[in-house]
Amino acid sequence: MRQGSLLPGQVAIILPDDLILGTPGCLSSMIAQYADCAAGHLVGAMKVWAISSASYDRF
């Protein structure tokens, strides 16, 4: 990769597959969790009913 082609600081890739409602919001929760994350990366996930699981990839 060419020197200087990366942005400084953190980068977020948001794939809006689902609308996740909650208080606080999903992104707010992820930002707060990232501050405590030693690994430097974070994945958001949610629980779904077993009957709906065929519509989703599984971890």
PDB file of N, CA and C in Angstrom:
ATOM      1  N   MET A   1       0.837  -1.171   0.000  1.00  0.00           N
ATOM      2  CA  MET A   1       0.000   0.000   0.000  1.00  0.00           C
ATOM      3  C   MET A   1       0.890   1.244   0.000  1.00  0.00           C
ATOM      4  N   ARG A   2       0.484   2.223  -0.716  1.00  0.00           N
ATOM      5  CA  ARG A   2       1.269   3.444  -0.844  1.00  0.00           C
ATOM      6  C   ARG A   2       1.299   4.219   0.460  1.00  0.00           C
ATOM      7  N   GLN A   3       2.459   4.741   0.812  1.00  0.00           N
ATOM      8  CA  GLN A   3       2.622   5.534   2.036  1.00  0.00           C
ATOM      9  C   GLN A   3       1.692   6.745   1.995  1.00  0.00           C
ATOM     10  N   GLY A   4       0.985   6.989   3.081  1.00  0.00           N
ATOM     11  CA  GLY A   4       0.101   8.148   3.174  1.00  0.00           C
ATOM     12  C   GLY A   4      -1.273   7.947   2.565  1.00  0.00           C
ATOM     13  N   SER A   5      -1.591   6.723   2.126  1.00  0.00           N
ATOM     14  CA  SER A   5      -2.898   6.496   1.497  1.00  0.00           C
ATOM     15  C   SER A   5      -3.987   6.136   2.499  1.00  0.00           C
ATOM     16  N   LEU A   6      -3.642   5.967   3.768  1.00  0.00           N
ATOM     17  CA  LEU A   6      -4.616   5.649   4.799  1.00  0.00           C
ATOM     18  C   LEU A   6      -4.994   6.893   5.592  1.00  0.00           C
ATOM     19  N   LEU A   7      -6.219   6.931   6.048  1.00  0.00           N
ATOM     20  CA  LEU A   7      -6.663   8.033   6.897  1.00  0.00           C
ATOM     21  C   LEU A   7      -6.106   7.850   8.303  1.00  0.00           C
ATOM     22  N   PRO A   8      -5.781   8.926   8.993  1.00  0.00           N
ATOM     23  CA  PRO A   8      -5.344   8.794  10.387  1.00  0.00           C
ATOM     24  C   PRO A   8      -6.546   8.499  11.282  1.00  0.00           C
ATOM     25  N   GLY A   9      -6.349   7.714  12.309  1.00  0.00           N
ATOM     26  CA  GLY A   9      -7.415   7.450  13.271  1.00  0.00           C
ATOM     27  C   GLY A   9      -8.286   6.262  12.904  1.00  0.00           C
ATOM     28  N   GLN A  10      -9.403   6.144  13.612  1.00  0.00           N
ATOM     29  CA  GLN A  10     -10.309   5.008  13.454  1.00  0.00           C
ATOM     30  C   GLN A  10     -11.171   5.175  12.207  1.00  0.00           C
ATOM     31  N   VAL A  11     -11.606   4.042  11.664  1.00  0.00           N
ATOM     32  CA  VAL A  11     -12.482   4.004  10.507  1.00  0.00           C
ATOM     33  C   VAL A  11     -13.623   3.047  10.824  1.00  0.00           C
ATOM     34  N   ALA A  12     -14.842   3.415  10.459  1.00  0.00           N
ATOM     35  CA  ALA A  12     -16.001   2.542  10.666  1.00  0.00           C
ATOM     36  C   ALA A  12     -16.586   2.159   9.317  1.00  0.00           C
ATOM     37  N   ILE A  13     -16.923   0.892   9.170  1.00  0.00           N
ATOM     38  CA  ILE A  13     -17.625   0.411   7.984  1.00  0.00           C
ATOM     39  C   ILE A  13     -18.998  -0.036   8.473  1.00  0.00           C
ATOM     40  N   ILE A  14     -20.015   0.630   7.992  1.00  0.00           N
ATOM     41  CA  ILE A  14     -21.375   0.358   8.452  1.00  0.00           C
ATOM     42  C   ILE A  14     -22.169  -0.243   7.297  1.00  0.00           C
ATOM     43  N   LEU A  15     -22.647  -1.465   7.491  1.00  0.00           N
ATOM     44  CA  LEU A  15     -23.467  -2.148   6.496  1.00  0.00           C
ATOM     45  C   LEU A  15     -24.894  -2.189   7.023  1.00  0.00           C
ATOM     46  N   PRO A  16     -25.770  -1.341   6.524  1.00  0.00           N
ATOM     47  CA  PRO A  16     -27.118  -1.198   7.094  1.00  0.00           C
ATOM     48  C   PRO A  16     -28.075  -2.309   6.662  1.00  0.00           C
ATOM     49  N   ASP A  17     -27.836  -3.518   7.149  1.00  0.00           N
ATOM     50  CA  ASP A  17     -28.700  -4.649   6.817  1.00  0.00           C
ATOM     51  C   ASP A  17     -29.992  -4.646   7.628  1.00  0.00           C
ATOM     52  N   ASP A  18     -29.918  -4.188   8.860  1.00  0.00           N
ATOM     53  CA  ASP A  18     -31.054  -4.218   9.770  1.00  0.00           C
ATOM     54  C   ASP A  18     -31.166  -2.891  10.495  1.00  0.00           C
ATOM     55  N   LEU A  19     -32.369  -2.586  10.929  1.00  0.00           N
ATOM     56  CA  LEU A  19     -32.600  -1.440  11.786  1.00  0.00           C
ATOM     57  C   LEU A  19     -32.661  -1.972  13.215  1.00  0.00           C
ATOM     58  N   ILE A  20     -31.697  -1.589  14.044  1.00  0.00           N
ATOM     59  CA  ILE A  20     -31.627  -2.063  15.421  1.00  0.00           C
ATOM     60  C   ILE A  20     -31.991  -0.900  16.326  1.00  0.00           C
ATOM     61  N   LEU A  21     -33.156  -0.987  16.946  1.00  0.00           N
ATOM     62  CA  LEU A  21     -33.635   0.072  17.817  1.00  0.00           C
ATOM     63  C   LEU A  21     -33.288  -0.238  19.252  1.00  0.00           C
ATOM     64  N   GLY A  22     -32.958   0.780  20.006  1.00  0.00           N
ATOM     65  CA  GLY A  22     -32.661   0.587  21.420  1.00  0.00           C
ATOM     66  C   GLY A  22     -32.223   1.893  22.039  1.00  0.00           C
ATOM     67  N   THR A  23     -32.123   1.883  23.333  1.00  0.00           N
ATOM     68  CA  THR A  23     -31.649   3.048  24.072  1.00  0.00           C
ATOM     69  C   THR A  23     -30.556   2.583  25.008  1.00  0.00           C
ATOM     70  N   PRO A  24     -29.329   3.016  24.881  1.00  0.00           N
ATOM     71  CA  PRO A  24     -28.834   3.925  23.846  1.00  0.00           C
ATOM     72  C   PRO A  24     -28.815   3.237  22.492  1.00  0.00           C
ATOM     73  N   GLY A  25     -28.589   4.002  21.439  1.00  0.00           N
ATOM     74  CA  GLY A  25     -28.565   3.462  20.087  1.00  0.00           C
ATOM     75  C   GLY A  25     -27.407   2.495  19.872  1.00  0.00           C
ATOM     76  N   CYS A  26     -27.517   1.699  18.831  1.00  0.00           N
ATOM     77  CA  CYS A  26     -26.510   0.685  18.521  1.00  0.00           C
ATOM     78  C   CYS A  26     -25.130   1.306  18.295  1.00  0.00           C
ATOM     79  N   LEU A  27     -25.058   2.356  17.475  1.00  0.00           N
ATOM     80  CA  LEU A  27     -23.754   2.967  17.206  1.00  0.00           C
ATOM     81  C   LEU A  27     -23.167   3.608  18.452  1.00  0.00           C
ATOM     82  N   SER A  28     -24.007   4.238  19.273  1.00  0.00           N
ATOM     83  CA  SER A  28     -23.516   4.820  20.525  1.00  0.00           C
ATOM     84  C   SER A  28     -22.921   3.748  21.424  1.00  0.00           C
ATOM     85  N   SER A  29     -23.587   2.601  21.502  1.00  0.00           N
ATOM     86  CA  SER A  29     -23.087   1.490  22.313  1.00  0.00           C
ATOM     87  C   SER A  29     -21.770   0.958  21.767  1.00  0.00           C
ATOM     88  N   MET A  30     -21.670   0.865  20.437  1.00  0.00           N
ATOM     89  CA  MET A  30     -20.442   0.351  19.833  1.00  0.00           C
ATOM     90  C   MET A  30     -19.274   1.321  20.035  1.00  0.00           C
ATOM     91  N   ILE A  31     -19.543   2.611  19.936  1.00  0.00           N
ATOM     92  CA  ILE A  31     -18.490   3.608  20.160  1.00  0.00           C
ATOM     93  C   ILE A  31     -17.978   3.527  21.588  1.00  0.00           C
ATOM     94  N   ALA A  32     -18.891   3.419  22.552  1.00  0.00           N
ATOM     95  CA  ALA A  32     -18.496   3.316  23.957  1.00  0.00           C
ATOM     96  C   ALA A  32     -17.701   2.030  24.206  1.00  0.00           C
ATOM     97  N   GLN A  33     -18.132   0.929  23.608  1.00  0.00           N
ATOM     98  CA  GLN A  33     -17.438  -0.353  23.786  1.00  0.00           C
ATOM     99  C   GLN A  33     -16.062  -0.328  23.143  1.00  0.00           C
ATOM    100  N   TYR A  34     -15.944   0.329  21.998  1.00  0.00           N
ATOM    101  CA  TYR A  34     -14.660   0.396  21.298  1.00  0.00           C
ATOM    102  C   TYR A  34     -13.601   1.077  22.157  1.00  0.00           C
ATOM    103  N   ALA A  35     -14.015   2.053  22.944  1.00  0.00           N
ATOM    104  CA  ALA A  35     -13.073   2.758  23.819  1.00  0.00           C
ATOM    105  C   ALA A  35     -12.399   1.787  24.796  1.00  0.00           C
ATOM    106  N   ASP A  36     -13.100   0.706  25.180  1.00  0.00           N
ATOM    107  CA  ASP A  36     -12.556  -0.280  26.113  1.00  0.00           C
ATOM    108  C   ASP A  36     -11.995  -1.516  25.409  1.00  0.00           C
ATOM    109  N   CYS A  37     -12.000  -1.527  24.084  1.00  0.00           N
ATOM    110  CA  CYS A  37     -11.612  -2.703  23.316  1.00  0.00           C
ATOM    111  C   CYS A  37     -10.111  -2.706  23.052  1.00  0.00           C
ATOM    112  N   ALA A  38      -9.397  -3.660  23.622  1.00  0.00           N
ATOM    113  CA  ALA A  38      -7.947  -3.735  23.450  1.00  0.00           C
ATOM    114  C   ALA A  38      -7.563  -4.299  22.086  1.00  0.00           C
ATOM    115  N   ALA A  39      -8.453  -5.060  21.451  1.00  0.00           N
ATOM    116  CA  ALA A  39      -8.115  -5.719  20.185  1.00  0.00           C
ATOM    117  C   ALA A  39      -8.049  -4.744  19.014  1.00  0.00           C
ATOM    118  N   GLY A  40      -8.757  -3.624  19.094  1.00  0.00           N
ATOM    119  CA  GLY A  40      -8.744  -2.650  18.018  1.00  0.00           C
ATOM    120  C   GLY A  40      -9.786  -2.875  16.942  1.00  0.00           C
ATOM    121  N   HIS A  41     -10.688  -3.831  17.153  1.00  0.00           N
ATOM    122  CA  HIS A  41     -11.781  -4.044  16.206  1.00  0.00           C
ATOM    123  C   HIS A  41     -13.017  -4.500  16.976  1.00  0.00           C
ATOM    124  N   LEU A  42     -14.178  -4.342  16.361  1.00  0.00           N
ATOM    125  CA  LEU A  42     -15.432  -4.632  17.048  1.00  0.00           C
ATOM    126  C   LEU A  42     -16.483  -5.030  16.019  1.00  0.00           C
ATOM    127  N   VAL A  43     -17.302  -6.014  16.347  1.00  0.00           N
ATOM    128  CA  VAL A  43     -18.391  -6.458  15.490  1.00  0.00           C
ATOM    129  C   VAL A  43     -19.679  -6.356  16.285  1.00  0.00           C
ATOM    130  N   GLY A  44     -20.699  -5.735  15.706  1.00  0.00           N
ATOM    131  CA  GLY A  44     -22.004  -5.655  16.358  1.00  0.00           C
ATOM    132  C   GLY A  44     -22.868  -6.838  15.938  1.00  0.00           C
ATOM    133  N   ALA A  45     -23.600  -7.399  16.866  1.00  0.00           N
ATOM    134  CA  ALA A  45     -24.481  -8.536  16.572  1.00  0.00           C
ATOM    135  C   ALA A  45     -25.727  -8.424  17.427  1.00  0.00           C
ATOM    136  N   MET A  46     -26.779  -9.103  17.017  1.00  0.00           N
ATOM    137  CA  MET A  46     -28.018  -9.099  17.797  1.00  0.00           C
ATOM    138  C   MET A  46     -28.604 -10.502  17.838  1.00  0.00           C
ATOM    139  N   LYS A  47     -29.389 -10.764  18.865  1.00  0.00           N
ATOM    140  CA  LYS A  47     -30.077 -12.039  18.984  1.00  0.00           C
ATOM    141  C   LYS A  47     -31.341 -12.004  18.126  1.00  0.00           C
ATOM    142  N   VAL A  48     -31.655 -13.136  17.499  1.00  0.00           N
ATOM    143  CA  VAL A  48     -32.895 -13.272  16.729  1.00  0.00           C
ATOM    144  C   VAL A  48     -33.582 -14.570  17.145  1.00  0.00           C
ATOM    145  N   TRP A  49     -34.876 -14.631  16.953  1.00  0.00           N
ATOM    146  CA  TRP A  49     -35.634 -15.840  17.249  1.00  0.00           C
ATOM    147  C   TRP A  49     -35.168 -16.971  16.335  1.00  0.00           C
ATOM    148  N   ALA A  50     -35.152 -18.190  16.828  1.00  0.00           N
ATOM    149  CA  ALA A  50     -34.708 -19.344  16.050  1.00  0.00           C
ATOM    150  C   ALA A  50     -35.502 -19.485  14.754  1.00  0.00           C
ATOM    151  N   ILE A  51     -36.775 -19.184  14.799  1.00  0.00           N
ATOM    152  CA  ILE A  51     -37.631 -19.316  13.597  1.00  0.00           C
ATOM    153  C   ILE A  51     -37.215 -18.326  12.512  1.00  0.00           C
ATOM    154  N   SER A  52     -36.577 -17.215  12.885  1.00  0.00           N
ATOM    155  CA  SER A  52     -36.124 -16.206  11.921  1.00  0.00           C
ATOM    156  C   SER A  52     -34.665 -16.382  11.518  1.00  0.00           C
ATOM    157  N   SER A  53     -33.956 -17.317  12.140  1.00  0.00           N
ATOM    158  CA  SER A  53     -32.523 -17.418  11.938  1.00  0.00           C
ATOM    159  C   SER A  53     -32.112 -17.812  10.518  1.00  0.00           C
ATOM    160  N   ALA A  54     -33.000 -18.407   9.758  1.00  0.00           N
ATOM    161  CA  ALA A  54     -32.662 -18.776   8.382  1.00  0.00           C
ATOM    162  C   ALA A  54     -32.419 -17.542   7.519  1.00  0.00           C
ATOM    163  N   SER A  55     -32.916 -16.389   7.959  1.00  0.00           N
ATOM    164  CA  SER A  55     -32.741 -15.146   7.207  1.00  0.00           C
ATOM    165  C   SER A  55     -31.389 -14.491   7.476  1.00  0.00           C
ATOM    166  N   TYR A  56     -30.615 -15.009   8.421  1.00  0.00           N
ATOM    167  CA  TYR A  56     -29.376 -14.388   8.836  1.00  0.00           C
ATOM    168  C   TYR A  56     -28.213 -15.353   8.737  1.00  0.00           C
ATOM    169  N   ASP A  57     -26.995 -14.802   8.576  1.00  0.00           N
ATOM    170  CA  ASP A  57     -25.794 -15.620   8.717  1.00  0.00           C
ATOM    171  C   ASP A  57     -25.597 -15.892  10.191  1.00  0.00           C
ATOM    172  N   ARG A  58     -24.908 -16.955  10.519  1.00  0.00           N
ATOM    173  CA  ARG A  58     -24.699 -17.305  11.939  1.00  0.00           C
ATOM    174  C   ARG A  58     -23.246 -17.153  12.295  1.00  0.00           C
ATOM    175  N   PHE A  59     -22.999 -16.783  13.540  1.00  0.00           N
ATOM    176  CA  PHE A  59     -21.638 -16.645  14.066  1.00  0.00           C
ATOM    177  C   PHE A  59     -21.206 -17.978  14.637  1.00  0.00           C
TER     178      PHE A  59
END
